[in-house]
Protein backbone atom coordinates (compact mmCIF):
# COMPACT_ATOMS: atom_id res chain seq x y z
CA MET A 1 59.32 49.18 -18.95
CA PHE A 2 58.97 51.39 -15.62
CA THR A 3 61.33 54.44 -15.90
CA SER A 4 60.53 55.71 -12.20
CA LEU A 5 60.08 55.05 -9.19
CA LEU A 6 57.16 57.53 -7.23
CA ARG A 7 56.40 57.25 -4.39
CA VAL A 8 55.32 54.67 -1.19
CA SER A 9 52.17 55.12 0.73
CA VAL A 10 52.15 53.64 3.55
CA ALA A 11 48.80 53.24 5.87
CA VAL A 12 48.56 54.64 9.29
CA ARG A 13 45.52 54.80 11.41
CA ASP A 14 45.88 57.97 12.66
CA LEU A 15 47.27 60.47 10.54
CA ASP A 16 48.47 63.70 12.80
CA ALA A 17 50.52 60.77 14.94
CA ALA A 18 52.14 59.38 12.11
CA VAL A 19 53.42 62.98 11.07
CA GLU A 20 55.26 63.02 14.54
CA SER A 21 56.77 59.95 13.94
CA TYR A 22 58.16 60.86 10.40
CA ARG A 23 59.33 64.28 11.66
CA ALA A 24 61.32 62.83 13.94
CA LEU A 25 63.12 60.92 11.66
CA GLY A 26 63.50 64.75 8.96
CA LEU A 27 60.61 64.51 6.73
CA GLU A 28 58.57 67.03 6.90
CA PRO A 29 55.70 67.55 5.02
CA VAL A 30 55.81 68.58 1.08
CA GLY A 31 51.62 70.96 1.49
CA GLY A 32 49.18 70.20 3.36
CA VAL A 33 47.03 67.39 4.31
CA LYS A 34 44.86 66.36 1.02
CA GLN A 35 41.35 63.84 1.12
CA SER A 36 39.66 62.24 -1.53
CA PRO A 37 37.51 64.25 -4.21
CA ARG A 38 36.50 60.54 -5.83
CA GLY A 39 34.79 58.46 -2.93
CA LEU A 40 37.91 56.44 -1.84
CA GLY A 41 37.23 57.75 1.97
CA LEU A 42 40.68 58.48 2.78
CA ARG A 43 43.30 61.32 3.78
CA TRP A 44 47.59 61.57 3.60
CA VAL A 45 49.87 63.54 3.29
CA GLU A 46 52.89 63.37 1.58
CA LEU A 47 57.08 64.16 3.62
CA GLY A 48 59.71 64.93 1.99
CA ARG A 49 62.64 66.81 2.26
CA PRO A 50 63.13 70.68 2.91
CA ASP A 51 63.63 71.26 -0.49
CA GLY A 52 60.72 70.13 -1.14
CA GLN A 53 60.68 67.16 -2.41
CA CYS A 54 57.96 64.18 -2.20
CA LEU A 55 59.48 60.53 -0.45
CA LEU A 56 56.57 59.34 0.75
CA GLU A 57 52.82 59.25 1.18
CA LEU A 58 51.12 59.15 4.72
CA MET A 59 47.28 57.87 4.03
CA SER A 60 44.40 57.23 6.55
CA PRO A 61 40.80 56.18 5.93
CA VAL A 62 38.22 58.98 7.26
CA SER A 63 35.48 56.08 7.77
CA ASP A 64 35.43 53.04 8.44
CA SER A 65 33.98 52.00 5.08
CA ALA A 66 36.93 53.19 2.55
CA PRO A 67 39.02 50.45 1.11
CA LEU A 68 41.97 51.61 3.50
CA ALA A 69 40.37 51.20 6.40
CA ARG A 70 39.68 47.13 5.94
CA PHE A 71 42.93 46.84 4.53
CA LEU A 72 44.07 48.30 8.43
CA ASP A 73 41.97 45.73 9.32
CA ARG A 74 43.65 42.94 7.66
CA HIS A 75 46.77 44.07 7.98
CA GLY A 76 48.25 46.19 10.54
CA GLU A 77 49.85 49.32 9.42
CA GLY A 78 52.76 49.54 6.95
CA VAL A 79 53.29 50.06 3.09
CA TYR A 80 50.40 49.83 1.97
CA GLN A 81 51.00 51.36 -2.30
CA VAL A 82 53.94 51.75 -4.94
CA ARG A 83 53.93 53.90 -7.75
CA LEU A 84 55.74 53.21 -10.43
CA GLY A 85 56.10 55.48 -13.34
CA THR A 86 56.71 54.55 -17.47
CA SER A 87 57.02 55.88 -20.34
CA SER A 88 53.54 54.44 -21.76
CA LEU A 89 50.90 53.53 -19.46
CA PRO A 90 48.81 51.08 -22.44
CA GLN A 91 52.06 49.61 -23.82
CA THR A 92 52.85 48.49 -19.52
CA LEU A 93 48.88 47.25 -18.82
CA ALA A 94 49.18 45.42 -22.27
CA THR A 95 52.45 43.46 -21.21
CA LEU A 96 51.48 42.95 -17.49
CA SER A 97 48.48 41.55 -18.08
CA GLY A 98 50.56 39.94 -20.59
CA ARG A 99 52.96 38.07 -18.42
CA GLY A 100 49.91 37.26 -16.45
CA VAL A 101 49.91 39.81 -14.32
CA ARG A 102 46.05 40.79 -13.00
CA VAL A 103 45.84 44.86 -13.59
CA VAL A 104 42.23 45.90 -11.72
CA ARG A 105 41.56 48.81 -13.47
CA ASP A 106 43.29 50.87 -16.42
CA GLU A 107 41.45 53.83 -16.64
CA THR A 108 42.26 57.66 -16.21
CA PRO A 109 39.56 59.86 -13.86
CA THR A 110 38.77 62.91 -16.02
CA GLY A 111 41.25 65.19 -15.85
CA ALA A 112 44.30 62.89 -14.28
CA ARG A 113 47.18 62.11 -16.40
CA PRO A 114 47.22 58.32 -17.48
CA LEU A 115 47.56 55.89 -14.54
CA GLY A 116 46.40 51.98 -13.72
CA TRP A 117 46.49 49.18 -10.49
CA VAL A 118 48.12 45.66 -10.26
CA HIS A 119 45.50 43.73 -7.85
CA PRO A 120 47.87 43.42 -4.88
CA ALA A 121 47.68 39.40 -5.00
CA SER A 122 50.25 39.58 -8.34
CA THR A 123 52.73 41.44 -5.70
CA HIS A 124 52.54 39.95 -2.14
CA GLY A 125 50.19 41.96 -0.92
CA VAL A 126 51.40 45.72 -1.69
CA LEU A 127 48.67 48.13 -3.79
CA VAL A 128 50.82 49.17 -7.15
CA GLU A 129 49.57 52.44 -9.43
CA VAL A 130 51.61 52.37 -13.09
CA VAL A 131 51.54 56.01 -13.62
CA GLU A 132 52.64 57.61 -17.55
CA GLU A 133 55.05 60.67 -16.56
CA GLU A 134 55.44 63.59 -18.87
CA GLU A 135 58.04 63.68 -21.06
CA GLN A 136 61.03 65.92 -20.14
């Protein structure tokens, strides 16, 4: 069903301070800071190896009303989301739903690759993003 672990996202209050902390571990920004275009109210930066492979994503809210701000208020900083790859998104989401997993969103934004979400209540507090990977 799942083919790969694509990303781990960590929720932080201060994105710049968090980047510096992870630089001390040898991870460097891969590209610049990005901001969500769809009103999700968050900024993020991908961190990775010198060859550009992304290993980790740091996310911070841009407003107190953003969903990520509410997560931080309830749980503090830490793992927020895991992104898993699959070869067949419809089949994977149907299988998960059939197993009683709470799939909260399964539509794909226009122009984006197919994705779905699993509610944190089904995964011990971690949001799971399921992404259909491109065939190699």
